[in-house]
Amino acid sequence: MLRQVLTLIADPAAFTLDDAVAKLARAALADLGAQTAPADWLVPGIACDIGFDGLNDDQAQAAVAKALAGKPVDIVAQGVEGRRKSVLVADMESTIIQQEMLDELGDLVGARDRIAAITHRAMNGEIDFKGALRERVALLAGLDAGVLTQMIGRITYMPGASTLIATLKKHGVYCALVSGGFKTFTAHVRGELGFDEDQANDLIVEGGKLAGTVFEPILDKDAKHQALIRITSAHRVPVAASITVGDGANDLPMLMAAGMGVAYHAKPSVAAQARARIDHGDLTALLYIQGYRAEEIVVA
C-alpha cells in the first residue's frame, strides 16, 4: 500500500474533475520518480485520490500544481495514516458563514466601510486583533441590544457547511465552533448546524444598550489555539487527530498546530502558511481531504 495520498478537489458548482485531469496529476508525480496508483474517485467529477510514494508532500503538491496550472482544482498531499480526524475546530465568520458580523452591525451606525476596513487589516495580520476588535466594538456603543437578534437574519452559510457538519457528526467527530466574533451568533450557528460547542466573545450590555466594549479576556488567535488544545485533551486524542479550518490571521496558530489545518478561501498571508489551502472547492473539501466517499456523506 502506498503511504502518501494526493487529493484533487473541484468546486462542485463550477468545474467537473475528470480522468484527463487526474492523469495529468499522476504523470506529474511519476515524472519526478514517484510510484503512483490510478485515480480513486471519492465523488465522481468532484474529488479523487492518487496514491503515491517517493516524494514528500510539498514536492508532490508543487509538481501537480504546475501541471494543473490555470485549472480551478485544489491539491492536498498528506500521509495516509491518521488521515481521518476525530475533532474539528472551525472559525465561523467568512468560514462557516459568509458574513463578518461586525461589518453587518456597522450598517446600523453608518460605519460599515470603516469597520470593514479594520476587519480586513486585522484578518490579514496587519494590525493587532484585540485592538482592532475594541476599536470596532466602540463604534457600536448605544445600539439597542435587540439588534443582535435581528442580525441573525443576515446569516447565510458557506456552501457545504451543513453537509460537512452533518457528515462529521454521523461519523462520531466532535465539532467545535471557535470565533473571535460574538456569542449571540455562534450560539445560533451551533444550534442550526449541530456543532457540539461554541466559544466566542461577549458584548457588554448596559441598560439594554451595547456599551461599546466586550468582556475580557478577548478570544483571539492564542485563545483559539488553546481551545484546540483543550478540546483534544478533553477527548483524549492527540492534536494530530484534529482538523481545523479558518480564513484569517487569528486562525493561523490553530491551523499550524492541528494535524490538518485548512485555509479556506483565506487571506493570502494565511493561505501561504497553512498546511492545506482550499481556494476553489466548498466546505465539503474538508471531507475529501479526509478520504470520505460519496456513500459516507450526509447531504444536508
C-alpha atoms as a PDB file:
ATOM      1  CA  MET A   1       0.000   0.000   0.000  1.00  0.00           C
ATOM      2  CA  LEU A   2       1.301   3.437  -0.916  1.00  0.00           C
ATOM      3  CA  ARG A   3       1.963   5.605   2.103  1.00  0.00           C
ATOM      4  CA  GLN A   4       1.040   9.023   0.705  1.00  0.00           C
ATOM      5  CA  VAL A   5      -2.068  10.326  -0.997  1.00  0.00           C
ATOM      6  CA  LEU A   6      -2.718  13.383  -3.127  1.00  0.00           C
ATOM      7  CA  THR A   7      -6.318  14.570  -3.338  1.00  0.00           C
ATOM      8  CA  LEU A   8      -7.714  16.648  -6.186  1.00  0.00           C
ATOM      9  CA  ILE A   9     -10.818  18.675  -5.328  1.00  0.00           C
ATOM     10  CA  ALA A  10     -13.028  20.788  -7.587  1.00  0.00           C
ATOM     11  CA  ASP A  11     -15.791  23.268  -6.812  1.00  0.00           C
ATOM     12  CA  PRO A  12     -18.890  21.118  -7.416  1.00  0.00           C
ATOM     13  CA  ALA A  13     -20.785  24.169  -8.660  1.00  0.00           C
ATOM     14  CA  ALA A  14     -18.206  25.334 -11.185  1.00  0.00           C
ATOM     15  CA  PHE A  15     -15.903  22.624 -12.554  1.00  0.00           C
ATOM     16  CA  THR A  16     -16.055  18.920 -13.349  1.00  0.00           C
ATOM     17  CA  LEU A  17     -12.968  16.940 -12.462  1.00  0.00           C
ATOM     18  CA  ASP A  18     -12.314  14.171 -14.983  1.00  0.00           C
ATOM     19  CA  ASP A  19      -9.913  11.351 -15.763  1.00  0.00           C
ATOM     20  CA  ALA A  20      -7.858  13.584 -18.049  1.00  0.00           C
ATOM     21  CA  VAL A  21      -7.061  15.969 -15.193  1.00  0.00           C
ATOM     22  CA  ALA A  22      -6.319  13.072 -12.846  1.00  0.00           C
ATOM     23  CA  LYS A  23      -3.932  11.562 -15.406  1.00  0.00           C
ATOM     24  CA  LEU A  24      -2.078  14.871 -15.720  1.00  0.00           C
ATOM     25  CA  ALA A  25      -1.602  14.908 -11.957  1.00  0.00           C
ATOM     26  CA  ARG A  26      -0.444  11.304 -11.845  1.00  0.00           C
ATOM     27  CA  ALA A  27       2.011  11.895 -14.686  1.00  0.00           C
ATOM     28  CA  ALA A  28       3.464  14.912 -12.880  1.00  0.00           C
ATOM     29  CA  LEU A  29       4.215  12.712  -9.871  1.00  0.00           C
ATOM     30  CA  ALA A  30       5.643   9.911 -11.995  1.00  0.00           C
ATOM     31  CA  ASP A  31       7.899  12.340 -13.854  1.00  0.00           C
ATOM     32  CA  LEU A  32       9.668  13.037 -10.560  1.00  0.00           C
ATOM     33  CA  GLY A  33      10.182   9.344  -9.939  1.00  0.00           C
ATOM     34  CA  ALA A  34       7.213   8.677  -7.691  1.00  0.00           C
ATOM     35  CA  GLN A  35       5.440   5.366  -7.599  1.00  0.00           C
ATOM     36  CA  THR A  36       1.746   6.099  -8.210  1.00  0.00           C
ATOM     37  CA  ALA A  37      -1.659   4.438  -8.237  1.00  0.00           C
ATOM     38  CA  PRO A  38      -4.585   5.111 -10.591  1.00  0.00           C
ATOM     39  CA  ALA A  39      -7.114   7.724  -9.540  1.00  0.00           C
ATOM     40  CA  ASP A  40      -9.523   6.516  -6.849  1.00  0.00           C
ATOM     41  CA  TRP A  41     -12.726   8.545  -7.161  1.00  0.00           C
ATOM     42  CA  LEU A  42     -14.198   9.675  -3.846  1.00  0.00           C
ATOM     43  CA  VAL A  43     -17.020  11.525  -5.597  1.00  0.00           C
ATOM     44  CA  PRO A  44     -17.060  11.332  -9.403  1.00  0.00           C
ATOM     45  CA  GLY A  45     -16.479  14.702 -11.003  1.00  0.00           C
ATOM     46  CA  ILE A  46     -15.599  16.368  -7.694  1.00  0.00           C
ATOM     47  CA  ALA A  47     -12.779  14.630  -5.817  1.00  0.00           C
ATOM     48  CA  CYS A  48     -10.278  11.828  -6.306  1.00  0.00           C
ATOM     49  CA  ASP A  49      -7.261  10.356  -4.545  1.00  0.00           C
ATOM     50  CA  ILE A  50      -3.961   9.449  -6.179  1.00  0.00           C
ATOM     51  CA  GLY A  51      -1.754   7.267  -4.010  1.00  0.00           C
ATOM     52  CA  PHE A  52       1.994   7.797  -4.270  1.00  0.00           C
ATOM     53  CA  ASP A  53       5.387   7.125  -2.722  1.00  0.00           C
ATOM     54  CA  GLY A  54       8.843   8.573  -3.270  1.00  0.00           C
ATOM     55  CA  LEU A  55       8.132  12.300  -2.832  1.00  0.00           C
ATOM     56  CA  ASN A  56       7.352  14.447   0.168  1.00  0.00           C
ATOM     57  CA  ASP A  57       4.046  16.298   0.380  1.00  0.00           C
ATOM     58  CA  ASP A  58       5.431  19.660  -0.690  1.00  0.00           C
ATOM     59  CA  GLN A  59       7.188  18.187  -3.722  1.00  0.00           C
ATOM     60  CA  ALA A  60       4.031  16.376  -4.781  1.00  0.00           C
ATOM     61  CA  GLN A  61       1.779  19.399  -4.389  1.00  0.00           C
ATOM     62  CA  ALA A  62       4.179  21.681  -6.241  1.00  0.00           C
ATOM     63  CA  ALA A  63       4.572  19.269  -9.145  1.00  0.00           C
ATOM     64  CA  VAL A  64       0.842  18.769  -9.570  1.00  0.00           C
ATOM     65  CA  ALA A  65       0.079  22.471  -9.133  1.00  0.00           C
ATOM     66  CA  LYS A  66       2.454  23.216 -12.000  1.00  0.00           C
ATOM     67  CA  ALA A  67       0.894  20.527 -14.186  1.00  0.00           C
ATOM     68  CA  LEU A  68      -2.637  21.779 -13.491  1.00  0.00           C
ATOM     69  CA  ALA A  69      -1.830  25.497 -13.653  1.00  0.00           C
ATOM     70  CA  GLY A  70      -4.898  27.504 -14.589  1.00  0.00           C
ATOM     71  CA  LYS A  71      -7.366  24.779 -13.645  1.00  0.00           C
ATOM     72  CA  PRO A  72      -9.688  25.502 -10.681  1.00  0.00           C
ATOM     73  CA  VAL A  73      -8.579  22.465  -8.706  1.00  0.00           C
ATOM     74  CA  ASP A  74      -7.393  22.272  -5.092  1.00  0.00           C
ATOM     75  CA  ILE A  75      -4.492  19.937  -4.325  1.00  0.00           C
ATOM     76  CA  VAL A  76      -3.705  18.409  -0.931  1.00  0.00           C
ATOM     77  CA  ALA A  77      -0.953  15.841  -0.294  1.00  0.00           C
ATOM     78  CA  GLN A  78      -0.554  14.012   3.014  1.00  0.00           C
ATOM     79  CA  GLY A  79       0.216  10.703   4.666  1.00  0.00           C
ATOM     80  CA  VAL A  80      -2.472   8.032   4.536  1.00  0.00           C
ATOM     81  CA  GLU A  81      -2.071   7.037   8.185  1.00  0.00           C
ATOM     82  CA  GLY A  82      -4.190   9.139  10.529  1.00  0.00           C
ATOM     83  CA  ARG A  83      -5.897  10.906   7.668  1.00  0.00           C
ATOM     84  CA  ARG A  84      -9.333  10.849   9.251  1.00  0.00           C
ATOM     85  CA  LYS A  85      -9.618  13.133  12.233  1.00  0.00           C
ATOM     86  CA  SER A  86     -11.745  12.861  15.363  1.00  0.00           C
ATOM     87  CA  VAL A  87     -12.018  16.578  16.231  1.00  0.00           C
ATOM     88  CA  LEU A  88     -12.942  19.602  14.091  1.00  0.00           C
ATOM     89  CA  VAL A  89     -12.326  23.144  15.313  1.00  0.00           C
ATOM     90  CA  ALA A  90     -13.748  25.753  12.944  1.00  0.00           C
ATOM     91  CA  ASP A  91     -13.655  29.511  12.692  1.00  0.00           C
ATOM     92  CA  MET A  92     -17.098  30.986  11.996  1.00  0.00           C
ATOM     93  CA  GLU A  93     -17.059  34.263  10.075  1.00  0.00           C
ATOM     94  CA  SER A  94     -16.058  34.033   6.398  1.00  0.00           C
ATOM     95  CA  THR A  95     -15.504  30.320   7.036  1.00  0.00           C
ATOM     96  CA  ILE A  96     -18.707  28.605   8.178  1.00  0.00           C
ATOM     97  CA  ILE A  97     -20.865  31.652   7.462  1.00  0.00           C
ATOM     98  CA  GLN A  98     -20.481  34.109   4.600  1.00  0.00           C
ATOM     99  CA  GLN A  99     -20.567  37.250   6.734  1.00  0.00           C
ATOM    100  CA  GLU A 100     -18.323  39.214   9.083  1.00  0.00           C
ATOM    101  CA  MET A 101     -20.973  40.087  11.659  1.00  0.00           C
ATOM    102  CA  LEU A 102     -19.186  43.172  12.979  1.00  0.00           C
ATOM    103  CA  ASP A 103     -19.303  44.583   9.462  1.00  0.00           C
ATOM    104  CA  GLU A 104     -23.043  43.851   9.364  1.00  0.00           C
ATOM    105  CA  LEU A 105     -23.541  45.629  12.687  1.00  0.00           C
ATOM    106  CA  GLY A 106     -21.616  48.562  11.274  1.00  0.00           C
ATOM    107  CA  ASP A 107     -24.519  49.133   8.871  1.00  0.00           C
ATOM    108  CA  LEU A 108     -26.651  50.205  11.809  1.00  0.00           C
ATOM    109  CA  VAL A 109     -24.316  53.011  12.850  1.00  0.00           C
ATOM    110  CA  GLY A 110     -23.298  54.141   9.375  1.00  0.00           C
ATOM    111  CA  ALA A 111     -19.804  52.774   9.864  1.00  0.00           C
ATOM    112  CA  ARG A 112     -19.781  49.618   7.758  1.00  0.00           C
ATOM    113  CA  ASP A 113     -16.958  50.743   5.468  1.00  0.00           C
ATOM    114  CA  ARG A 114     -14.821  51.917   8.371  1.00  0.00           C
ATOM    115  CA  ILE A 115     -15.383  48.719  10.344  1.00  0.00           C
ATOM    116  CA  ALA A 116     -14.871  46.513   7.272  1.00  0.00           C
ATOM    117  CA  ALA A 117     -11.540  48.200   6.551  1.00  0.00           C
ATOM    118  CA  ILE A 118     -10.346  47.451  10.091  1.00  0.00           C
ATOM    119  CA  THR A 119     -11.625  43.867   9.795  1.00  0.00           C
ATOM    120  CA  HIS A 120      -9.700  43.390   6.557  1.00  0.00           C
ATOM    121  CA  ARG A 121      -6.446  44.614   8.072  1.00  0.00           C
ATOM    122  CA  ALA A 122      -6.901  42.504  11.205  1.00  0.00           C
ATOM    123  CA  MET A 123      -7.663  39.334   9.223  1.00  0.00           C
ATOM    124  CA  ASN A 124      -4.565  39.937   7.105  1.00  0.00           C
ATOM    125  CA  GLY A 125      -2.476  40.211  10.254  1.00  0.00           C
ATOM    126  CA  GLU A 126      -1.578  43.844   9.574  1.00  0.00           C
ATOM    127  CA  ILE A 127      -2.872  45.070  12.950  1.00  0.00           C
ATOM    128  CA  ASP A 128      -3.399  43.540  16.395  1.00  0.00           C
ATOM    129  CA  PHE A 129      -6.670  41.598  16.610  1.00  0.00           C
ATOM    130  CA  LYS A 130      -7.530  42.647  20.168  1.00  0.00           C
ATOM    131  CA  GLY A 131      -7.022  46.334  19.461  1.00  0.00           C
ATOM    132  CA  ALA A 132      -8.955  46.050  16.214  1.00  0.00           C
ATOM    133  CA  LEU A 133     -11.866  44.363  17.988  1.00  0.00           C
ATOM    134  CA  ARG A 134     -12.013  47.003  20.705  1.00  0.00           C
ATOM    135  CA  GLU A 135     -11.895  49.802  18.118  1.00  0.00           C
ATOM    136  CA  ARG A 136     -14.730  48.321  16.073  1.00  0.00           C
ATOM    137  CA  VAL A 137     -16.931  47.461  19.045  1.00  0.00           C
ATOM    138  CA  ALA A 138     -16.564  51.001  20.416  1.00  0.00           C
ATOM    139  CA  LEU A 139     -18.365  52.262  17.309  1.00  0.00           C
ATOM    140  CA  LEU A 140     -21.439  50.245  18.305  1.00  0.00           C
ATOM    141  CA  ALA A 141     -21.932  51.977  21.664  1.00  0.00           C
ATOM    142  CA  GLY A 142     -25.551  52.964  22.258  1.00  0.00           C
ATOM    143  CA  LEU A 143     -27.152  50.463  19.896  1.00  0.00           C
ATOM    144  CA  ASP A 144     -30.186  48.633  21.263  1.00  0.00           C
ATOM    145  CA  ALA A 145     -29.031  45.155  22.311  1.00  0.00           C
ATOM    146  CA  GLY A 146     -32.012  43.699  20.473  1.00  0.00           C
ATOM    147  CA  VAL A 147     -30.278  44.342  17.165  1.00  0.00           C
ATOM    148  CA  LEU A 148     -28.052  41.343  17.821  1.00  0.00           C
ATOM    149  CA  THR A 149     -31.013  39.013  17.457  1.00  0.00           C
ATOM    150  CA  GLN A 150     -32.167  40.902  14.369  1.00  0.00           C
ATOM    151  CA  MET A 151     -28.750  40.478  12.770  1.00  0.00           C
ATOM    152  CA  ILE A 152     -29.099  36.691  12.957  1.00  0.00           C
ATOM    153  CA  GLY A 153     -31.417  37.051   9.981  1.00  0.00           C
ATOM    154  CA  ARG A 154     -28.461  38.156   7.866  1.00  0.00           C
ATOM    155  CA  ILE A 155     -26.515  34.946   8.417  1.00  0.00           C
ATOM    156  CA  THR A 156     -26.053  32.723   5.377  1.00  0.00           C
ATOM    157  CA  TYR A 157     -23.931  29.599   5.337  1.00  0.00           C
ATOM    158  CA  MET A 158     -20.968  28.805   3.154  1.00  0.00           C
ATOM    159  CA  PRO A 159     -21.704  26.148   0.518  1.00  0.00           C
ATOM    160  CA  GLY A 160     -21.111  22.726   2.004  1.00  0.00           C
ATOM    161  CA  ALA A 161     -21.229  23.855   5.647  1.00  0.00           C
ATOM    162  CA  SER A 162     -24.292  21.869   6.683  1.00  0.00           C
ATOM    163  CA  THR A 163     -23.146  18.761   4.792  1.00  0.00           C
ATOM    164  CA  LEU A 164     -19.703  18.979   6.403  1.00  0.00           C
ATOM    165  CA  ILE A 165     -21.038  19.070   9.957  1.00  0.00           C
ATOM    166  CA  ALA A 166     -23.813  16.512   9.375  1.00  0.00           C
ATOM    167  CA  THR A 167     -21.318  14.054   7.897  1.00  0.00           C
ATOM    168  CA  LEU A 168     -18.700  14.511  10.595  1.00  0.00           C
ATOM    169  CA  LYS A 169     -21.321  14.135  13.326  1.00  0.00           C
ATOM    170  CA  LYS A 170     -22.588  10.904  11.745  1.00  0.00           C
ATOM    171  CA  HIS A 171     -19.056   9.544  11.899  1.00  0.00           C
ATOM    172  CA  GLY A 172     -18.526  10.499  15.543  1.00  0.00           C
ATOM    173  CA  VAL A 173     -16.350  13.573  15.063  1.00  0.00           C
ATOM    174  CA  TYR A 174     -16.527  16.228  17.788  1.00  0.00           C
ATOM    175  CA  CYS A 175     -17.237  19.607  16.167  1.00  0.00           C
ATOM    176  CA  ALA A 176     -16.399  22.915  17.856  1.00  0.00           C
ATOM    177  CA  LEU A 177     -17.061  26.443  16.618  1.00  0.00           C
ATOM    178  CA  VAL A 178     -14.484  28.913  17.944  1.00  0.00           C
ATOM    179  CA  SER A 179     -14.833  32.544  16.905  1.00  0.00           C
ATOM    180  CA  GLY A 180     -13.360  35.942  17.625  1.00  0.00           C
ATOM    181  CA  GLY A 181     -16.902  37.193  16.972  1.00  0.00           C
ATOM    182  CA  PHE A 182     -19.851  37.170  19.335  1.00  0.00           C
ATOM    183  CA  LYS A 183     -21.688  34.534  21.347  1.00  0.00           C
ATOM    184  CA  THR A 184     -25.149  35.516  20.071  1.00  0.00           C
ATOM    185  CA  PHE A 185     -24.141  34.461  16.586  1.00  0.00           C
ATOM    186  CA  THR A 186     -22.045  31.389  17.405  1.00  0.00           C
ATOM    187  CA  ALA A 187     -24.840  30.004  19.600  1.00  0.00           C
ATOM    188  CA  HIS A 188     -27.279  30.335  16.707  1.00  0.00           C
ATOM    189  CA  VAL A 189     -24.927  28.681  14.209  1.00  0.00           C
ATOM    190  CA  ARG A 190     -24.117  25.915  16.675  1.00  0.00           C
ATOM    191  CA  GLY A 191     -27.802  25.139  17.073  1.00  0.00           C
ATOM    192  CA  GLU A 192     -28.626  25.251  13.375  1.00  0.00           C
ATOM    193  CA  LEU A 193     -25.722  23.173  12.099  1.00  0.00           C
ATOM    194  CA  GLY A 194     -25.239  20.832  15.046  1.00  0.00           C
ATOM    195  CA  PHE A 195     -21.834  21.822  16.416  1.00  0.00           C
ATOM    196  CA  ASP A 196     -21.093  20.280  19.818  1.00  0.00           C
ATOM    197  CA  GLU A 197     -19.868  23.530  21.345  1.00  0.00           C
ATOM    198  CA  ASP A 198     -19.211  27.157  20.579  1.00  0.00           C
ATOM    199  CA  GLN A 199     -16.833  29.685  22.054  1.00  0.00           C
ATOM    200  CA  ALA A 200     -16.783  33.413  21.295  1.00  0.00           C
ATOM    201  CA  ASN A 201     -16.575  36.903  22.754  1.00  0.00           C
ATOM    202  CA  ASP A 202     -19.407  38.503  24.729  1.00  0.00           C
ATOM    203  CA  LEU A 203     -20.562  42.075  24.191  1.00  0.00           C
ATOM    204  CA  ILE A 204     -21.243  44.089  27.335  1.00  0.00           C
ATOM    205  CA  VAL A 205     -24.836  45.327  27.606  1.00  0.00           C
ATOM    206  CA  GLU A 206     -25.846  48.125  29.987  1.00  0.00           C
ATOM    207  CA  GLY A 207     -29.435  49.268  30.328  1.00  0.00           C
ATOM    208  CA  GLY A 208     -30.468  47.353  27.233  1.00  0.00           C
ATOM    209  CA  LYS A 209     -27.822  49.094  25.112  1.00  0.00           C
ATOM    210  CA  LEU A 210     -24.461  47.961  23.797  1.00  0.00           C
ATOM    211  CA  ALA A 211     -21.777  49.532  25.961  1.00  0.00           C
ATOM    212  CA  GLY A 212     -19.220  49.552  23.160  1.00  0.00           C
ATOM    213  CA  THR A 213     -16.980  47.100  24.992  1.00  0.00           C
ATOM    214  CA  VAL A 214     -16.538  43.341  25.347  1.00  0.00           C
ATOM    215  CA  PHE A 215     -15.867  41.155  28.335  1.00  0.00           C
ATOM    216  CA  GLU A 216     -12.207  40.349  28.877  1.00  0.00           C
ATOM    217  CA  PRO A 217     -10.215  38.318  28.145  1.00  0.00           C
ATOM    218  CA  ILE A 218     -10.791  38.681  24.423  1.00  0.00           C
ATOM    219  CA  LEU A 219     -10.846  35.465  22.440  1.00  0.00           C
ATOM    220  CA  ASP A 220      -8.018  35.946  19.951  1.00  0.00           C
ATOM    221  CA  LYS A 221      -5.610  33.765  17.982  1.00  0.00           C
ATOM    222  CA  ASP A 222      -3.964  32.409  21.127  1.00  0.00           C
ATOM    223  CA  ALA A 223      -7.336  31.573  22.658  1.00  0.00           C
ATOM    224  CA  LYS A 224      -8.311  29.691  19.502  1.00  0.00           C
ATOM    225  CA  HIS A 225      -5.112  27.680  19.735  1.00  0.00           C
ATOM    226  CA  GLN A 226      -5.753  26.981  23.410  1.00  0.00           C
ATOM    227  CA  ALA A 227      -9.303  25.887  22.591  1.00  0.00           C
ATOM    228  CA  LEU A 228      -7.854  23.313  20.207  1.00  0.00           C
ATOM    229  CA  ILE A 229      -5.502  22.031  22.907  1.00  0.00           C
ATOM    230  CA  ARG A 230      -8.301  21.931  25.493  1.00  0.00           C
ATOM    231  CA  ILE A 231     -10.753  20.101  23.247  1.00  0.00           C
ATOM    232  CA  THR A 232      -8.312  17.442  22.051  1.00  0.00           C
ATOM    233  CA  SER A 233      -7.094  16.905  25.609  1.00  0.00           C
ATOM    234  CA  ALA A 234     -10.661  16.577  26.904  1.00  0.00           C
ATOM    235  CA  HIS A 235     -11.346  13.912  24.293  1.00  0.00           C
ATOM    236  CA  ARG A 236      -8.056  12.163  24.982  1.00  0.00           C
ATOM    237  CA  VAL A 237      -6.813  12.388  21.434  1.00  0.00           C
ATOM    238  CA  PRO A 238      -3.552  13.902  20.193  1.00  0.00           C
ATOM    239  CA  VAL A 239      -3.656  17.269  18.463  1.00  0.00           C
ATOM    240  CA  ALA A 240      -2.565  15.365  15.359  1.00  0.00           C
ATOM    241  CA  ALA A 241      -6.065  13.825  15.328  1.00  0.00           C
ATOM    242  CA  SER A 242      -7.665  17.234  14.740  1.00  0.00           C
ATOM    243  CA  ILE A 243      -8.613  19.216  11.658  1.00  0.00           C
ATOM    244  CA  THR A 244      -9.033  22.986  11.815  1.00  0.00           C
ATOM    245  CA  VAL A 245     -10.382  25.464   9.290  1.00  0.00           C
ATOM    246  CA  GLY A 246     -10.275  29.247   9.065  1.00  0.00           C
ATOM    247  CA  ASP A 247      -9.552  32.199   6.818  1.00  0.00           C
ATOM    248  CA  GLY A 248      -7.861  34.910   8.872  1.00  0.00           C
ATOM    249  CA  ALA A 249      -4.591  35.673  10.623  1.00  0.00           C
ATOM    250  CA  ASN A 250      -6.178  34.980  14.007  1.00  0.00           C
ATOM    251  CA  ASP A 251      -6.750  31.387  12.840  1.00  0.00           C
ATOM    252  CA  LEU A 252      -3.118  30.684  11.959  1.00  0.00           C
ATOM    253  CA  PRO A 253      -1.931  29.264  15.305  1.00  0.00           C
ATOM    254  CA  MET A 254      -4.705  26.668  15.368  1.00  0.00           C
ATOM    255  CA  LEU A 255      -4.206  25.917  11.668  1.00  0.00           C
ATOM    256  CA  MET A 256      -0.480  25.367  12.201  1.00  0.00           C
ATOM    257  CA  ALA A 257      -0.942  23.233  15.329  1.00  0.00           C
ATOM    258  CA  ALA A 258      -3.610  20.823  14.079  1.00  0.00           C
ATOM    259  CA  GLY A 259      -2.977  17.526  12.376  1.00  0.00           C
ATOM    260  CA  MET A 260      -4.547  19.129   9.305  1.00  0.00           C
ATOM    261  CA  GLY A 261      -5.029  22.895   9.152  1.00  0.00           C
ATOM    262  CA  VAL A 262      -7.084  24.136   6.227  1.00  0.00           C
ATOM    263  CA  ALA A 263      -7.021  27.730   4.991  1.00  0.00           C
ATOM    264  CA  TYR A 264     -10.451  28.147   3.425  1.00  0.00           C
ATOM    265  CA  HIS A 265     -10.701  30.837   0.721  1.00  0.00           C
ATOM    266  CA  ALA A 266      -8.290  32.577   3.038  1.00  0.00           C
ATOM    267  CA  LYS A 267      -6.346  35.799   3.146  1.00  0.00           C
ATOM    268  CA  PRO A 268      -3.141  35.384   1.075  1.00  0.00           C
ATOM    269  CA  SER A 269      -0.833  35.574   4.085  1.00  0.00           C
ATOM    270  CA  VAL A 270      -2.810  32.804   5.779  1.00  0.00           C
ATOM    271  CA  ALA A 271      -3.125  30.522   2.753  1.00  0.00           C
ATOM    272  CA  ALA A 272       0.628  30.737   2.182  1.00  0.00           C
ATOM    273  CA  GLN A 273       1.389  29.311   5.635  1.00  0.00           C
ATOM    274  CA  ALA A 274      -1.361  26.750   6.199  1.00  0.00           C
ATOM    275  CA  ARG A 275      -0.869  23.006   5.845  1.00  0.00           C
ATOM    276  CA  ALA A 276      -3.613  22.867   3.211  1.00  0.00           C
ATOM    277  CA  ARG A 277      -5.484  25.512   1.253  1.00  0.00           C
ATOM    278  CA  ILE A 278      -8.887  25.380  -0.396  1.00  0.00           C
ATOM    279  CA  ASP A 279      -9.200  28.165  -2.946  1.00  0.00           C
ATOM    280  CA  HIS A 280     -11.837  26.644  -5.240  1.00  0.00           C
ATOM    281  CA  GLY A 281     -13.882  23.952  -3.505  1.00  0.00           C
ATOM    282  CA  ASP A 282     -16.642  24.390  -0.949  1.00  0.00           C
ATOM    283  CA  LEU A 283     -16.558  23.178   2.653  1.00  0.00           C
ATOM    284  CA  THR A 284     -17.142  19.570   1.621  1.00  0.00           C
ATOM    285  CA  ALA A 285     -13.467  19.726   0.620  1.00  0.00           C
ATOM    286  CA  LEU A 286     -12.676  19.015   4.282  1.00  0.00           C
ATOM    287  CA  LEU A 287     -14.427  15.668   3.854  1.00  0.00           C
ATOM    288  CA  TYR A 288     -12.455  14.741   0.743  1.00  0.00           C
ATOM    289  CA  ILE A 289      -9.199  15.727   2.430  1.00  0.00           C
ATOM    290  CA  GLN A 290     -10.057  13.046   4.996  1.00  0.00           C
ATOM    291  CA  GLY A 291     -10.993  10.476   2.366  1.00  0.00           C
ATOM    292  CA  TYR A 292     -14.761  10.422   2.804  1.00  0.00           C
ATOM    293  CA  ARG A 293     -16.590   8.818  -0.104  1.00  0.00           C
ATOM    294  CA  ALA A 294     -19.940   9.689  -1.662  1.00  0.00           C
ATOM    295  CA  GLU A 295     -21.767   6.900   0.178  1.00  0.00           C
ATOM    296  CA  GLU A 296     -20.477   8.153   3.545  1.00  0.00           C
ATOM    297  CA  ILE A 297     -21.547  11.762   3.051  1.00  0.00           C
ATOM    298  CA  VAL A 298     -24.756  13.128   4.574  1.00  0.00           C
ATOM    299  CA  VAL A 299     -26.093  15.753   2.190  1.00  0.00           C
ATOM    300  CA  ALA A 300     -27.738  18.447   4.315  1.00  0.00           C
END
